[in-house]
Amino acid sequence: MNCRGHVENGVVVLQDPKAFQEGEEVSVRPVRRKARAPRESAECPTLYEQLKDVIGIAKGLPPDLARNHDHYLHGLPKK
């Protein structure tokens, strides 16, 4: 059985304190969050590198598109 919890003042506090019987032996291990691997440009190109061929090719767009894109896409009031 698994039961999640957290450490508070050096004591493990379970989300469900009745998950285990009093005196039951348990094993505790931390939940590791995945660390972000360092980005290497050859393996993982930046967003600019991925989109550089299409940047600036759109023509005839409204001059306030960046500010009012929700208006043009979803019909919301202009800002």
C-alpha atoms as a PDB file:
ATOM      1  CA  MET A   1       0.000   0.000   0.000  1.00  0.00           C
ATOM      2  CA  ASN A   2       1.188   3.532  -0.756  1.00  0.00           C
ATOM      3  CA  CYS A   3       0.262   6.574   1.275  1.00  0.00           C
ATOM      4  CA  ARG A   4       1.450  10.067   0.446  1.00  0.00           C
ATOM      5  CA  GLY A   5       2.500  12.651   2.978  1.00  0.00           C
ATOM      6  CA  HIS A   6       5.096  15.305   3.741  1.00  0.00           C
ATOM      7  CA  VAL A   7       7.796  16.085   6.275  1.00  0.00           C
ATOM      8  CA  GLU A   8       6.895  18.646   8.923  1.00  0.00           C
ATOM      9  CA  ASN A   9       9.483  19.594  11.554  1.00  0.00           C
ATOM     10  CA  GLY A  10      11.395  16.378  10.880  1.00  0.00           C
ATOM     11  CA  VAL A  11       8.324  14.136  11.211  1.00  0.00           C
ATOM     12  CA  VAL A  12       6.557  12.349   8.344  1.00  0.00           C
ATOM     13  CA  VAL A  13       2.893  13.419   8.320  1.00  0.00           C
ATOM     14  CA  LEU A  14       0.622  11.149   6.262  1.00  0.00           C
ATOM     15  CA  GLN A  15      -2.333  12.463   4.257  1.00  0.00           C
ATOM     16  CA  ASP A  16      -4.383   9.583   5.668  1.00  0.00           C
ATOM     17  CA  PRO A  17      -3.138   8.960   9.217  1.00  0.00           C
ATOM     18  CA  LYS A  18      -5.307   5.822   9.514  1.00  0.00           C
ATOM     19  CA  ALA A  19      -3.755   4.186   6.454  1.00  0.00           C
ATOM     20  CA  PHE A  20      -1.516   2.006   8.662  1.00  0.00           C
ATOM     21  CA  GLN A  21      -2.098   0.241  11.961  1.00  0.00           C
ATOM     22  CA  GLU A  22      -0.387   1.519  15.097  1.00  0.00           C
ATOM     23  CA  GLY A  23       3.068  -0.031  15.399  1.00  0.00           C
ATOM     24  CA  GLU A  24       3.150  -1.248  11.792  1.00  0.00           C
ATOM     25  CA  GLU A  25       6.607  -1.102  10.235  1.00  0.00           C
ATOM     26  CA  VAL A  26       6.828   1.102   7.164  1.00  0.00           C
ATOM     27  CA  SER A  27       9.481   2.181   4.706  1.00  0.00           C
ATOM     28  CA  VAL A  28       9.693   5.835   3.628  1.00  0.00           C
ATOM     29  CA  ARG A  29      11.273   7.104   0.447  1.00  0.00           C
ATOM     30  CA  PRO A  30      11.155  10.613  -0.999  1.00  0.00           C
ATOM     31  CA  VAL A  31       9.253  11.304  -4.201  1.00  0.00           C
ATOM     32  CA  ARG A  32      11.845  12.601  -6.620  1.00  0.00           C
ATOM     33  CA  ARG A  33      10.828  15.201  -9.108  1.00  0.00           C
ATOM     34  CA  LYS A  34      12.413  14.898 -12.502  1.00  0.00           C
ATOM     35  CA  ALA A  35      15.235  17.371 -12.863  1.00  0.00           C
ATOM     36  CA  ARG A  36      15.452  19.224 -16.123  1.00  0.00           C
ATOM     37  CA  ALA A  37      18.365  18.013 -18.145  1.00  0.00           C
ATOM     38  CA  PRO A  38      20.754  20.689 -19.354  1.00  0.00           C
ATOM     39  CA  ARG A  39      19.813  21.743 -22.851  1.00  0.00           C
ATOM     40  CA  GLU A  40      22.329  21.139 -25.557  1.00  0.00           C
ATOM     41  CA  SER A  41      21.683  23.127 -28.725  1.00  0.00           C
ATOM     42  CA  ALA A  42      22.411  20.172 -31.006  1.00  0.00           C
ATOM     43  CA  GLU A  43      19.886  17.904 -29.260  1.00  0.00           C
ATOM     44  CA  CYS A  44      17.209  20.401 -28.253  1.00  0.00           C
ATOM     45  CA  PRO A  45      16.943  23.484 -30.467  1.00  0.00           C
ATOM     46  CA  THR A  46      15.496  26.654 -28.975  1.00  0.00           C
ATOM     47  CA  LEU A  47      12.029  27.840 -29.976  1.00  0.00           C
ATOM     48  CA  TYR A  48      13.661  30.496 -32.148  1.00  0.00           C
ATOM     49  CA  GLU A  49      15.767  27.864 -33.912  1.00  0.00           C
ATOM     50  CA  GLN A  50      12.664  25.755 -34.533  1.00  0.00           C
ATOM     51  CA  LEU A  51      10.595  28.648 -35.929  1.00  0.00           C
ATOM     52  CA  LYS A  52      13.206  30.884 -37.566  1.00  0.00           C
ATOM     53  CA  ASP A  53      12.131  29.860 -41.096  1.00  0.00           C
ATOM     54  CA  VAL A  54       8.575  31.170 -40.597  1.00  0.00           C
ATOM     55  CA  ILE A  55       9.237  34.252 -38.440  1.00  0.00           C
ATOM     56  CA  GLY A  56       8.051  37.411 -40.202  1.00  0.00           C
ATOM     57  CA  ILE A  57       6.421  35.798 -43.255  1.00  0.00           C
ATOM     58  CA  ALA A  58       2.781  36.538 -42.329  1.00  0.00           C
ATOM     59  CA  LYS A  59       1.406  39.486 -44.322  1.00  0.00           C
ATOM     60  CA  GLY A  60      -1.715  41.642 -43.945  1.00  0.00           C
ATOM     61  CA  LEU A  61      -2.145  41.237 -40.193  1.00  0.00           C
ATOM     62  CA  PRO A  62      -3.747  43.999 -38.076  1.00  0.00           C
ATOM     63  CA  PRO A  63      -1.155  46.298 -36.481  1.00  0.00           C
ATOM     64  CA  ASP A  64      -2.604  45.637 -32.998  1.00  0.00           C
ATOM     65  CA  LEU A  65      -2.643  41.841 -33.312  1.00  0.00           C
ATOM     66  CA  ALA A  66      -0.179  41.254 -30.462  1.00  0.00           C
ATOM     67  CA  ARG A  67      -2.253  43.335 -28.041  1.00  0.00           C
ATOM     68  CA  ASN A  68      -5.699  42.133 -29.216  1.00  0.00           C
ATOM     69  CA  HIS A  69      -5.108  38.555 -30.352  1.00  0.00           C
ATOM     70  CA  ASP A  70      -7.974  37.329 -28.119  1.00  0.00           C
ATOM     71  CA  HIS A  71     -10.292  39.724 -29.952  1.00  0.00           C
ATOM     72  CA  TYR A  72      -9.257  38.434 -33.368  1.00  0.00           C
ATOM     73  CA  LEU A  73      -9.188  34.759 -32.363  1.00  0.00           C
ATOM     74  CA  HIS A  74     -12.109  34.514 -29.943  1.00  0.00           C
ATOM     75  CA  GLY A  75     -14.195  37.683 -30.395  1.00  0.00           C
ATOM     76  CA  LEU A  76     -13.396  39.166 -26.975  1.00  0.00           C
ATOM     77  CA  PRO A  77     -13.494  42.964 -26.577  1.00  0.00           C
ATOM     78  CA  LYS A  78     -10.408  44.866 -27.733  1.00  0.00           C
ATOM     79  CA  LYS A  79      -7.996  46.148 -25.101  1.00  0.00           C
END
